[in-house]
Structures are given as structure tokens and as C-alpha cells.
Amino acid sequence: MAGEWLLNQLSKRGGSNTDYSDVVFGKVVSDSPLKVQYANDLILTKEFLIVSKYCTDYEEEIEIDKKKKKIKHFNKLKKGDDVTMLRQDGGQGFFIIEYKRK
């Protein structure tokens, strides 16, 4: 089965669980400069964070009835937001993929 093959390949790779990519969660503790609390006592600064377009303010052009219009999305991360991140192999980089605002 494919699942067994994948588990076998991962076990051959060796290393500990912290060596692999993983989905992790954090909380924005500062939006300027951006800082995210990960785990109980680790604060990630902008040097370790990559932010998805969908977690920023951005503008896009769409077409409605053959007319082009610009739409602004206001999605910039704010203090208190809960974030979902992908931790890169080795844990040295975190890609913020989405957030939940209370």
C-alpha cells in the first residue's frame, strides 16, 4: 500500500520529529513589527516568518461585465490573531497560511 511505502520512506530518512515539516499554530503578539508566539515561550520574529498573500493587505483586478475593477482586501495580521503555519524542515522558517480573528 502507498501509506506503508510512505511510512517506510520517512523512517529511512532518520532524524527526530522536529526535523520534519509540520502544521503548527501560533498567536500574533505584535503586528508592527510582526511577532508570532509559537509554543509557550518562543516568539518568532519577521526573520523566521513568511506571510501568505492572503494574510496581508493586497489589491487585485477583476472583470465584471467587461469592466475591470480593482478590489482591495484588508487581511493584514493583527495582534491577537490565531495563525496556522507550516514549519519548514529543521524549524528555521514558518509560513503563515491562514489566520482566525476573534
Protein backbone atom coordinates (compact mmCIF):
# COMPACT_ATOMS: atom_id res chain seq x y z
CA MET A 1 0.00 0.00 0.00
CA ALA A 2 1.07 3.56 -0.67
CA GLY A 3 0.70 4.57 3.01
CA GLU A 4 3.02 1.80 4.17
CA TRP A 5 5.57 2.73 1.50
CA LEU A 6 5.48 6.39 2.61
CA LEU A 7 5.94 5.48 6.29
CA ASN A 8 8.84 3.24 5.34
CA GLN A 9 10.50 6.04 3.35
CA LEU A 10 10.07 8.50 6.22
CA SER A 11 11.51 6.09 8.76
CA LYS A 12 14.55 5.51 6.50
CA ARG A 13 15.20 9.24 6.50
CA GLY A 14 16.02 9.18 10.20
CA GLY A 15 16.18 12.18 12.49
CA SER A 16 13.66 13.35 15.05
CA ASN A 17 10.14 14.69 14.57
CA THR A 18 11.42 18.26 14.87
CA ASP A 19 13.47 17.73 11.70
CA TYR A 20 10.36 17.46 9.51
CA SER A 21 7.82 19.94 8.20
CA ASP A 22 4.68 20.20 10.26
CA VAL A 23 1.48 22.20 10.67
CA VAL A 24 1.75 24.33 13.81
CA PHE A 25 -0.29 27.07 15.44
CA GLY A 26 0.58 30.42 16.98
CA LYS A 27 -0.75 33.78 18.05
CA VAL A 28 0.21 37.23 16.77
CA VAL A 29 1.65 39.12 19.75
CA SER A 30 2.72 42.18 17.73
CA ASP A 31 1.67 43.36 14.28
CA SER A 32 4.33 46.04 13.85
CA PRO A 33 6.90 44.62 13.81
CA LEU A 34 5.30 41.23 13.19
CA LYS A 35 5.91 38.73 16.01
CA VAL A 36 4.17 35.40 16.50
CA GLN A 37 4.19 33.34 19.67
CA TYR A 38 4.79 29.67 18.91
CA ALA A 39 4.67 27.10 21.69
CA ASN A 40 4.64 28.52 25.20
CA ASP A 41 7.71 30.68 25.21
CA LEU A 42 9.08 31.02 21.66
CA ILE A 43 8.50 34.34 19.87
CA LEU A 44 9.10 34.25 16.11
CA THR A 45 10.26 37.50 14.50
CA LYS A 46 9.96 38.56 10.86
CA GLU A 47 13.30 36.91 10.01
CA PHE A 48 11.69 33.49 10.58
CA LEU A 49 8.27 34.26 9.06
CA ILE A 50 6.94 34.08 5.51
CA VAL A 51 3.45 35.51 5.22
CA SER A 52 0.92 34.28 2.67
CA LYS A 53 -0.61 36.88 0.39
CA TYR A 54 -3.96 36.07 1.98
CA CYS A 55 -2.69 37.24 5.37
CA THR A 56 -1.75 40.70 4.07
CA ASP A 57 -3.48 43.73 2.60
CA TYR A 58 -3.48 43.35 -1.15
CA GLU A 59 -5.20 44.57 -4.29
CA GLU A 60 -6.39 42.59 -7.28
CA GLU A 61 -8.05 43.40 -10.55
CA ILE A 62 -11.24 41.61 -11.56
CA GLU A 63 -13.55 41.90 -14.53
CA ILE A 64 -17.29 42.48 -14.11
CA ASP A 65 -19.47 42.98 -17.19
CA LYS A 66 -16.35 43.53 -19.32
CA LYS A 67 -15.19 46.33 -16.99
CA LYS A 68 -12.03 45.99 -14.97
CA LYS A 69 -12.29 46.91 -11.32
CA LYS A 70 -9.75 46.90 -8.52
CA ILE A 71 -10.69 45.28 -5.26
CA LYS A 72 -8.78 45.85 -2.03
CA HIS A 73 -8.53 43.08 0.53
CA PHE A 74 -7.73 44.08 4.09
CA ASN A 75 -6.32 40.92 5.63
CA LYS A 76 -3.21 42.20 7.41
CA LEU A 77 -2.43 40.25 10.54
CA LYS A 78 -3.36 41.96 13.79
CA LYS A 79 -2.37 41.45 17.39
CA GLY A 80 -4.43 38.64 18.88
CA ASP A 81 -4.99 36.73 15.61
CA ASP A 82 -4.55 32.96 15.80
CA VAL A 83 -2.42 31.72 12.91
CA THR A 84 -1.86 28.39 11.20
CA MET A 85 1.69 27.88 9.94
CA LEU A 86 3.77 25.34 8.07
CA ARG A 87 7.07 24.78 9.85
CA GLN A 88 9.90 24.08 7.41
CA ASP A 89 12.26 21.15 7.84
CA GLY A 90 14.55 21.92 10.75
CA GLY A 91 12.17 24.50 12.19
CA GLN A 92 14.05 27.58 10.95
CA GLY A 93 11.22 29.03 8.86
CA PHE A 94 7.48 29.34 9.31
CA PHE A 95 4.99 30.02 6.51
CA ILE A 96 1.78 31.64 7.78
CA ILE A 97 -1.01 30.21 5.64
CA GLU A 98 -4.15 31.49 7.38
CA TYR A 99 -5.47 33.28 10.42
CA LYS A 100 -8.55 33.43 12.59
CA ARG A 101 -9.62 36.74 14.04
CA LYS A 102 -11.71 36.80 17.19
